[in-house]
Amino acid sequence: MSDKFDYHELKWRTDQCTSACNGLCGYCPLHEKAVCDDNGDWCVGPRDHWHSRGEKIPVYISTPCSKYPNIRVGDNYIQYGRGFMKTSVPFDHAFTHNNAGMKMPAIAIRDSVFGIRDSVFGVPSKTCLLTVGGKCWRY
């Protein structure tokens, strides 16, 4: 996956999307809904990370309520990870997450995206870490 990922491009519209809808990691954060699993982990798009160019790419969403990424929220940043693998990143700045040699685009968001408050992709959290193409954590 390229290090130059356009976080604000709307690649995959829903039936409810209008011309005013904006994109977040390829999806509409207002109309696309994430699915939660038993560990409090959320996913938008296909659940497998093996995809071909042009197909939908999964976006994994971690919140402070997720079991494994151990997210802690600061004033202008989040910290995630455990032990010596902790990483701190500022909000609303794209970065490349390295998960066991697999690099993937990521972004930490807080409070509102495009004026949407209290939920992104239907996830009930004001703070999220979005990773594109894979999870930021391993079980």
N, C-alpha and C. Protein backbone atom coordinates (compact mmCIF):
# COMPACT_ATOMS: atom_id res chain seq x y z
N MET A 1 0.85 -1.17 0.00
CA MET A 1 0.00 0.00 0.00
C MET A 1 0.89 1.23 0.00
N SER A 2 0.51 2.18 -0.72
CA SER A 2 1.31 3.40 -0.86
C SER A 2 1.29 4.22 0.42
N ASP A 3 2.41 4.90 0.69
CA ASP A 3 2.47 5.80 1.84
C ASP A 3 1.64 7.05 1.60
N LYS A 4 1.30 7.34 0.34
CA LYS A 4 0.50 8.52 0.01
C LYS A 4 -0.95 8.09 -0.15
N PHE A 5 -1.67 8.13 0.94
CA PHE A 5 -3.06 7.70 0.96
C PHE A 5 -3.94 8.92 1.19
N ASP A 6 -4.95 9.10 0.37
CA ASP A 6 -5.84 10.24 0.51
C ASP A 6 -6.96 9.89 1.49
N TYR A 7 -6.85 10.39 2.71
CA TYR A 7 -7.81 10.07 3.76
C TYR A 7 -9.18 10.69 3.51
N HIS A 8 -9.25 11.72 2.71
CA HIS A 8 -10.51 12.44 2.54
C HIS A 8 -11.18 12.19 1.20
N GLU A 9 -10.73 11.17 0.48
CA GLU A 9 -11.37 10.80 -0.77
C GLU A 9 -12.51 9.82 -0.48
N LEU A 10 -13.66 10.04 -1.08
CA LEU A 10 -14.80 9.14 -0.93
C LEU A 10 -14.80 8.19 -2.12
N LYS A 11 -14.29 6.98 -1.91
CA LYS A 11 -14.19 6.00 -2.99
C LYS A 11 -15.43 5.13 -3.11
N TRP A 12 -16.02 4.77 -1.97
CA TRP A 12 -17.13 3.83 -1.96
C TRP A 12 -18.35 4.48 -1.31
N ARG A 13 -19.27 4.92 -2.14
CA ARG A 13 -20.50 5.58 -1.67
C ARG A 13 -21.54 4.55 -1.24
N THR A 14 -22.40 4.96 -0.30
CA THR A 14 -23.56 4.14 0.07
C THR A 14 -24.77 4.66 -0.72
N ASP A 15 -25.87 3.97 -0.59
CA ASP A 15 -27.11 4.42 -1.25
C ASP A 15 -27.62 5.73 -0.67
N GLN A 16 -27.27 6.01 0.59
CA GLN A 16 -27.74 7.22 1.26
C GLN A 16 -26.86 8.44 0.99
N CYS A 17 -25.69 8.26 0.42
CA CYS A 17 -24.76 9.36 0.20
C CYS A 17 -25.31 10.38 -0.80
N THR A 18 -24.98 11.63 -0.53
CA THR A 18 -25.36 12.72 -1.43
C THR A 18 -24.07 13.34 -1.98
N SER A 19 -24.21 14.34 -2.80
CA SER A 19 -23.03 15.01 -3.36
C SER A 19 -22.28 15.80 -2.28
N ALA A 20 -22.92 16.06 -1.15
CA ALA A 20 -22.28 16.79 -0.05
C ALA A 20 -21.45 15.88 0.86
N CYS A 21 -21.55 14.56 0.70
CA CYS A 21 -20.83 13.63 1.57
C CYS A 21 -19.33 13.70 1.30
N ASN A 22 -18.57 13.60 2.38
CA ASN A 22 -17.12 13.57 2.31
C ASN A 22 -16.62 12.18 2.65
N GLY A 23 -15.38 11.92 2.35
CA GLY A 23 -14.81 10.61 2.61
C GLY A 23 -13.87 10.61 3.79
N LEU A 24 -13.72 9.46 4.40
CA LEU A 24 -12.73 9.22 5.43
C LEU A 24 -12.21 7.81 5.20
N CYS A 25 -10.96 7.69 4.79
CA CYS A 25 -10.35 6.40 4.47
C CYS A 25 -11.12 5.65 3.38
N GLY A 26 -11.73 6.40 2.46
CA GLY A 26 -12.44 5.81 1.34
C GLY A 26 -13.92 5.64 1.54
N TYR A 27 -14.41 5.70 2.76
CA TYR A 27 -15.81 5.48 3.09
C TYR A 27 -16.47 6.77 3.59
N CYS A 28 -17.79 6.80 3.60
CA CYS A 28 -18.54 7.94 4.13
C CYS A 28 -18.70 7.75 5.64
N PRO A 29 -18.12 8.61 6.47
CA PRO A 29 -18.20 8.43 7.92
C PRO A 29 -19.61 8.65 8.49
N LEU A 30 -20.48 9.23 7.71
CA LEU A 30 -21.85 9.48 8.16
C LEU A 30 -22.78 8.30 7.84
N HIS A 31 -22.64 7.73 6.65
CA HIS A 31 -23.59 6.72 6.21
C HIS A 31 -23.08 5.28 6.28
N GLU A 32 -21.80 5.08 6.25
CA GLU A 32 -21.24 3.73 6.34
C GLU A 32 -21.20 3.33 7.81
N LYS A 33 -21.56 2.10 8.12
CA LYS A 33 -21.60 1.64 9.51
C LYS A 33 -20.59 0.54 9.75
N ALA A 34 -19.85 0.67 10.84
CA ALA A 34 -18.86 -0.33 11.24
C ALA A 34 -19.55 -1.47 11.98
N VAL A 35 -18.90 -2.61 12.02
CA VAL A 35 -19.40 -3.79 12.71
C VAL A 35 -18.43 -4.08 13.86
N CYS A 36 -18.98 -4.38 15.04
CA CYS A 36 -18.18 -4.63 16.23
C CYS A 36 -18.08 -6.13 16.50
N ASP A 37 -16.91 -6.58 16.99
CA ASP A 37 -16.79 -7.98 17.39
C ASP A 37 -16.77 -8.09 18.91
N ASP A 38 -16.51 -9.27 19.42
CA ASP A 38 -16.57 -9.53 20.86
C ASP A 38 -15.48 -8.82 21.66
N ASN A 39 -14.40 -8.39 21.01
CA ASN A 39 -13.30 -7.71 21.70
C ASN A 39 -13.43 -6.20 21.69
N GLY A 40 -14.54 -5.68 21.16
CA GLY A 40 -14.72 -4.24 21.08
C GLY A 40 -14.00 -3.62 19.91
N ASP A 41 -13.58 -4.45 18.95
CA ASP A 41 -12.90 -3.98 17.74
C ASP A 41 -13.93 -3.73 16.65
N TRP A 42 -13.73 -2.70 15.87
CA TRP A 42 -14.67 -2.30 14.84
C TRP A 42 -14.03 -2.42 13.46
N CYS A 43 -14.86 -2.68 12.44
CA CYS A 43 -14.34 -2.78 11.07
C CYS A 43 -15.37 -2.24 10.10
N VAL A 44 -14.89 -1.49 9.11
CA VAL A 44 -15.70 -1.01 8.00
C VAL A 44 -15.15 -1.68 6.75
N GLY A 45 -16.03 -2.23 5.94
CA GLY A 45 -15.59 -2.90 4.72
C GLY A 45 -15.33 -4.37 4.97
N PRO A 46 -14.67 -5.02 4.01
CA PRO A 46 -14.41 -6.46 4.15
C PRO A 46 -13.48 -6.75 5.31
N ARG A 47 -13.67 -7.86 5.98
CA ARG A 47 -12.89 -8.18 7.18
C ARG A 47 -11.52 -8.76 6.87
N ASP A 48 -11.33 -9.32 5.70
CA ASP A 48 -10.00 -9.84 5.39
C ASP A 48 -9.14 -8.71 4.84
N HIS A 49 -7.84 -8.78 5.07
CA HIS A 49 -6.98 -7.72 4.58
C HIS A 49 -6.31 -8.10 3.26
N TRP A 50 -6.69 -9.21 2.67
CA TRP A 50 -6.17 -9.59 1.36
C TRP A 50 -7.12 -9.05 0.31
N HIS A 51 -6.70 -8.07 -0.41
CA HIS A 51 -7.56 -7.43 -1.39
C HIS A 51 -6.75 -7.07 -2.63
N SER A 52 -7.47 -6.91 -3.72
CA SER A 52 -6.83 -6.51 -4.96
C SER A 52 -7.02 -5.02 -5.17
N ARG A 53 -6.20 -4.45 -5.99
CA ARG A 53 -6.31 -3.02 -6.30
C ARG A 53 -7.70 -2.72 -6.85
N GLY A 54 -8.32 -1.67 -6.34
CA GLY A 54 -9.64 -1.28 -6.78
C GLY A 54 -10.76 -1.84 -5.93
N GLU A 55 -10.50 -2.92 -5.18
CA GLU A 55 -11.52 -3.48 -4.30
C GLU A 55 -11.56 -2.67 -3.00
N LYS A 56 -12.65 -2.83 -2.27
CA LYS A 56 -12.76 -2.15 -0.98
C LYS A 56 -11.66 -2.61 -0.04
N ILE A 57 -11.12 -1.67 0.69
CA ILE A 57 -10.06 -1.94 1.66
C ILE A 57 -10.68 -1.85 3.05
N PRO A 58 -10.42 -2.80 3.94
CA PRO A 58 -10.98 -2.70 5.28
C PRO A 58 -10.33 -1.58 6.09
N VAL A 59 -11.14 -0.93 6.90
CA VAL A 59 -10.66 0.09 7.83
C VAL A 59 -10.97 -0.43 9.23
N TYR A 60 -9.94 -0.61 10.03
CA TYR A 60 -10.11 -1.08 11.39
C TYR A 60 -10.10 0.12 12.33
N ILE A 61 -11.02 0.11 13.27
CA ILE A 61 -11.22 1.25 14.17
C ILE A 61 -10.99 0.79 15.60
N SER A 62 -10.04 1.42 16.25
CA SER A 62 -9.75 1.15 17.66
C SER A 62 -10.22 2.34 18.47
N THR A 63 -10.80 2.08 19.62
CA THR A 63 -11.25 3.12 20.53
C THR A 63 -10.64 2.84 21.91
N PRO A 64 -10.78 3.76 22.85
CA PRO A 64 -10.30 3.47 24.21
C PRO A 64 -11.01 2.27 24.84
N CYS A 65 -12.14 1.84 24.30
CA CYS A 65 -12.86 0.68 24.82
C CYS A 65 -12.41 -0.63 24.17
N SER A 66 -11.59 -0.57 23.13
CA SER A 66 -11.09 -1.78 22.49
C SER A 66 -10.18 -2.53 23.46
N LYS A 67 -10.20 -3.85 23.40
CA LYS A 67 -9.48 -4.67 24.37
C LYS A 67 -7.96 -4.64 24.19
N TYR A 68 -7.46 -4.75 22.96
CA TYR A 68 -6.03 -4.98 22.77
C TYR A 68 -5.15 -3.77 22.50
N PRO A 69 -5.56 -2.75 21.77
CA PRO A 69 -4.60 -1.69 21.47
C PRO A 69 -4.22 -0.81 22.66
N ASN A 70 -4.97 -0.89 23.77
CA ASN A 70 -4.65 -0.15 24.99
C ASN A 70 -4.48 1.35 24.73
N ILE A 71 -5.51 1.97 24.16
CA ILE A 71 -5.46 3.38 23.80
C ILE A 71 -5.62 4.27 25.03
N ARG A 72 -4.75 5.24 25.14
CA ARG A 72 -4.83 6.26 26.18
C ARG A 72 -4.88 7.61 25.47
N VAL A 73 -5.71 8.50 25.97
CA VAL A 73 -5.96 9.78 25.31
C VAL A 73 -5.28 10.92 26.06
N GLY A 74 -4.50 11.73 25.33
CA GLY A 74 -3.90 12.94 25.88
C GLY A 74 -4.65 14.15 25.33
N ASP A 75 -4.17 15.33 25.63
CA ASP A 75 -4.82 16.55 25.15
C ASP A 75 -4.78 16.66 23.63
N ASN A 76 -3.64 16.38 23.02
CA ASN A 76 -3.48 16.55 21.58
C ASN A 76 -3.03 15.28 20.87
N TYR A 77 -3.06 14.14 21.54
CA TYR A 77 -2.52 12.92 20.97
C TYR A 77 -3.19 11.70 21.59
N ILE A 78 -2.97 10.54 20.96
CA ILE A 78 -3.30 9.28 21.61
C ILE A 78 -2.01 8.48 21.71
N GLN A 79 -2.02 7.58 22.67
CA GLN A 79 -0.93 6.62 22.81
C GLN A 79 -1.56 5.24 22.75
N TYR A 80 -0.96 4.36 21.98
CA TYR A 80 -1.49 3.01 21.89
C TYR A 80 -0.34 2.01 21.88
N GLY A 81 -0.66 0.79 22.22
CA GLY A 81 0.36 -0.27 22.30
C GLY A 81 0.65 -0.62 23.74
N ARG A 82 1.49 -1.63 23.92
CA ARG A 82 1.81 -2.10 25.25
C ARG A 82 3.33 -2.19 25.42
N GLY A 83 3.79 -1.99 26.62
CA GLY A 83 5.21 -2.13 26.93
C GLY A 83 6.08 -1.20 26.12
N PHE A 84 7.18 -1.72 25.59
CA PHE A 84 8.11 -0.89 24.82
C PHE A 84 7.61 -0.61 23.41
N MET A 85 6.46 -1.18 23.03
CA MET A 85 5.89 -0.96 21.70
C MET A 85 4.89 0.20 21.67
N LYS A 86 4.81 0.99 22.73
CA LYS A 86 3.88 2.11 22.77
C LYS A 86 4.24 3.14 21.71
N THR A 87 3.21 3.70 21.10
CA THR A 87 3.38 4.72 20.08
C THR A 87 2.46 5.88 20.42
N SER A 88 2.96 7.10 20.31
CA SER A 88 2.15 8.30 20.51
C SER A 88 2.05 9.04 19.19
N VAL A 89 0.82 9.42 18.82
CA VAL A 89 0.60 10.14 17.56
C VAL A 89 -0.37 11.30 17.80
N PRO A 90 -0.15 12.43 17.13
CA PRO A 90 -1.07 13.57 17.27
C PRO A 90 -2.37 13.31 16.51
N PHE A 91 -3.41 13.99 16.92
CA PHE A 91 -4.70 13.87 16.24
C PHE A 91 -4.66 14.52 14.87
N ASP A 92 -5.41 13.95 13.94
CA ASP A 92 -5.66 14.50 12.60
C ASP A 92 -4.42 14.65 11.74
N HIS A 93 -3.37 13.88 12.03
CA HIS A 93 -2.18 13.85 11.18
C HIS A 93 -1.96 12.42 10.72
N ALA A 94 -1.98 12.22 9.42
CA ALA A 94 -1.77 10.90 8.87
C ALA A 94 -0.36 10.41 9.18
N PHE A 95 -0.23 9.12 9.42
CA PHE A 95 1.08 8.53 9.66
C PHE A 95 1.07 7.10 9.13
N THR A 96 2.21 6.47 9.11
CA THR A 96 2.31 5.08 8.66
C THR A 96 2.55 4.20 9.87
N HIS A 97 1.63 3.28 10.10
CA HIS A 97 1.75 2.34 11.21
C HIS A 97 2.49 1.11 10.70
N ASN A 98 3.43 0.61 11.48
CA ASN A 98 4.19 -0.57 11.11
C ASN A 98 3.77 -1.71 12.02
N ASN A 99 3.07 -2.71 11.46
CA ASN A 99 2.60 -3.85 12.23
C ASN A 99 3.35 -5.08 11.76
N ALA A 100 4.39 -5.46 12.50
CA ALA A 100 5.18 -6.65 12.19
C ALA A 100 5.68 -6.63 10.76
N GLY A 101 6.18 -5.49 10.32
CA GLY A 101 6.73 -5.35 8.98
C GLY A 101 5.73 -4.96 7.92
N MET A 102 4.43 -4.97 8.24
CA MET A 102 3.41 -4.55 7.27
C MET A 102 3.07 -3.09 7.54
N LYS A 103 3.40 -2.22 6.60
CA LYS A 103 3.13 -0.80 6.78
C LYS A 103 1.74 -0.48 6.25
N MET A 104 1.02 0.34 7.04
CA MET A 104 -0.34 0.71 6.62
C MET A 104 -0.63 2.14 7.02
N PRO A 105 -1.44 2.84 6.20
CA PRO A 105 -1.84 4.20 6.55
C PRO A 105 -2.71 4.20 7.81
N ALA A 106 -2.56 5.24 8.61
CA ALA A 106 -3.35 5.35 9.84
C ALA A 106 -3.57 6.82 10.16
N ILE A 107 -4.60 7.06 10.96
CA ILE A 107 -4.90 8.42 11.40
C ILE A 107 -5.66 8.33 12.72
N ALA A 108 -5.35 9.22 13.64
CA ALA A 108 -6.06 9.32 14.91
C ALA A 108 -6.99 10.53 14.83
N ILE A 109 -8.26 10.33 15.17
CA ILE A 109 -9.23 11.42 15.10
C ILE A 109 -9.89 11.61 16.46
N ARG A 110 -10.35 12.84 16.67
CA ARG A 110 -10.99 13.16 17.94
C ARG A 110 -12.13 14.14 17.73
N ASP A 111 -13.18 13.99 18.52
CA ASP A 111 -14.32 14.89 18.63
C ASP A 111 -15.19 14.98 17.39
N SER A 112 -14.70 15.52 16.31
CA SER A 112 -15.59 15.63 15.16
C SER A 112 -14.81 15.47 13.86
N VAL A 113 -15.47 14.89 12.91
CA VAL A 113 -14.94 14.76 11.56
C VAL A 113 -16.02 15.29 10.63
N PHE A 114 -15.72 16.32 9.87
CA PHE A 114 -16.67 16.91 8.94
C PHE A 114 -17.95 17.34 9.65
N GLY A 115 -17.86 17.75 10.91
CA GLY A 115 -19.03 18.21 11.64
C GLY A 115 -19.85 17.09 12.27
N ILE A 116 -19.43 15.84 12.10
CA ILE A 116 -20.14 14.71 12.72
C ILE A 116 -19.62 14.60 14.14
N ARG A 117 -20.50 14.62 15.10
CA ARG A 117 -20.08 14.55 16.50
C ARG A 117 -20.47 13.23 17.13
N ASP A 118 -19.65 12.77 18.04
CA ASP A 118 -19.89 11.62 18.90
C ASP A 118 -19.87 10.27 18.20
N SER A 119 -19.76 10.20 16.88
CA SER A 119 -19.68 8.90 16.25
C SER A 119 -19.10 9.04 14.85
N VAL A 120 -18.25 8.10 14.50
CA VAL A 120 -17.69 8.00 13.16
C VAL A 120 -17.95 6.58 12.71
N PHE A 121 -18.59 6.40 11.59
CA PHE A 121 -18.99 5.08 11.08
C PHE A 121 -19.92 4.38 12.07
N GLY A 122 -20.63 5.15 12.89
CA GLY A 122 -21.54 4.57 13.87
C GLY A 122 -20.85 4.08 15.13
N VAL A 123 -19.55 4.31 15.25
CA VAL A 123 -18.80 3.88 16.44
C VAL A 123 -19.02 4.92 17.54
N PRO A 124 -19.54 4.51 18.69
CA PRO A 124 -19.87 5.46 19.75
C PRO A 124 -18.66 5.89 20.56
N SER A 125 -17.77 6.64 19.95
CA SER A 125 -16.60 7.15 20.64
C SER A 125 -16.17 8.45 20.01
N LYS A 126 -15.67 9.36 20.81
CA LYS A 126 -15.16 10.63 20.28
C LYS A 126 -13.71 10.50 19.82
N THR A 127 -13.03 9.46 20.25
CA THR A 127 -11.63 9.27 19.92
C THR A 127 -11.43 7.92 19.25
N CYS A 128 -10.81 7.91 18.07
CA CYS A 128 -10.59 6.66 17.33
C CYS A 128 -9.22 6.66 16.68
N LEU A 129 -8.68 5.47 16.51
CA LEU A 129 -7.49 5.26 15.70
C LEU A 129 -7.93 4.40 14.52
N LEU A 130 -7.79 4.93 13.31
CA LEU A 130 -8.18 4.21 12.11
C LEU A 130 -6.94 3.71 11.39
N THR A 131 -6.89 2.42 11.10
CA THR A 131 -5.81 1.84 10.32
C THR A 131 -6.42 1.22 9.07
N VAL A 132 -5.80 1.45 7.93
CA VAL A 132 -6.35 1.04 6.64
C VAL A 132 -5.62 -0.19 6.14
N GLY A 133 -6.36 -1.28 5.97
CA GLY A 133 -5.79 -2.50 5.41
C GLY A 133 -5.36 -3.52 6.44
N GLY A 134 -5.38 -3.19 7.71
CA GLY A 134 -5.00 -4.12 8.74
C GLY A 134 -5.19 -3.53 10.12
N LYS A 135 -5.10 -4.38 11.14
CA LYS A 135 -5.28 -3.94 12.51
C LYS A 135 -3.99 -3.34 13.06
N CYS A 136 -4.12 -2.48 14.05
CA CYS A 136 -2.93 -1.90 14.69
C CYS A 136 -2.47 -2.77 15.85
N TRP A 137 -3.13 -3.90 16.08
CA TRP A 137 -2.81 -4.75 17.21
C TRP A 137 -2.79 -6.20 16.75
N ARG A 138 -2.12 -7.03 17.55
CA ARG A 138 -2.13 -8.47 17.34
C ARG A 138 -2.65 -9.12 18.60
N TYR A 139 -3.40 -10.19 18.45
CA TYR A 139 -3.96 -10.89 19.62
C TYR A 139 -2.90 -11.72 20.29
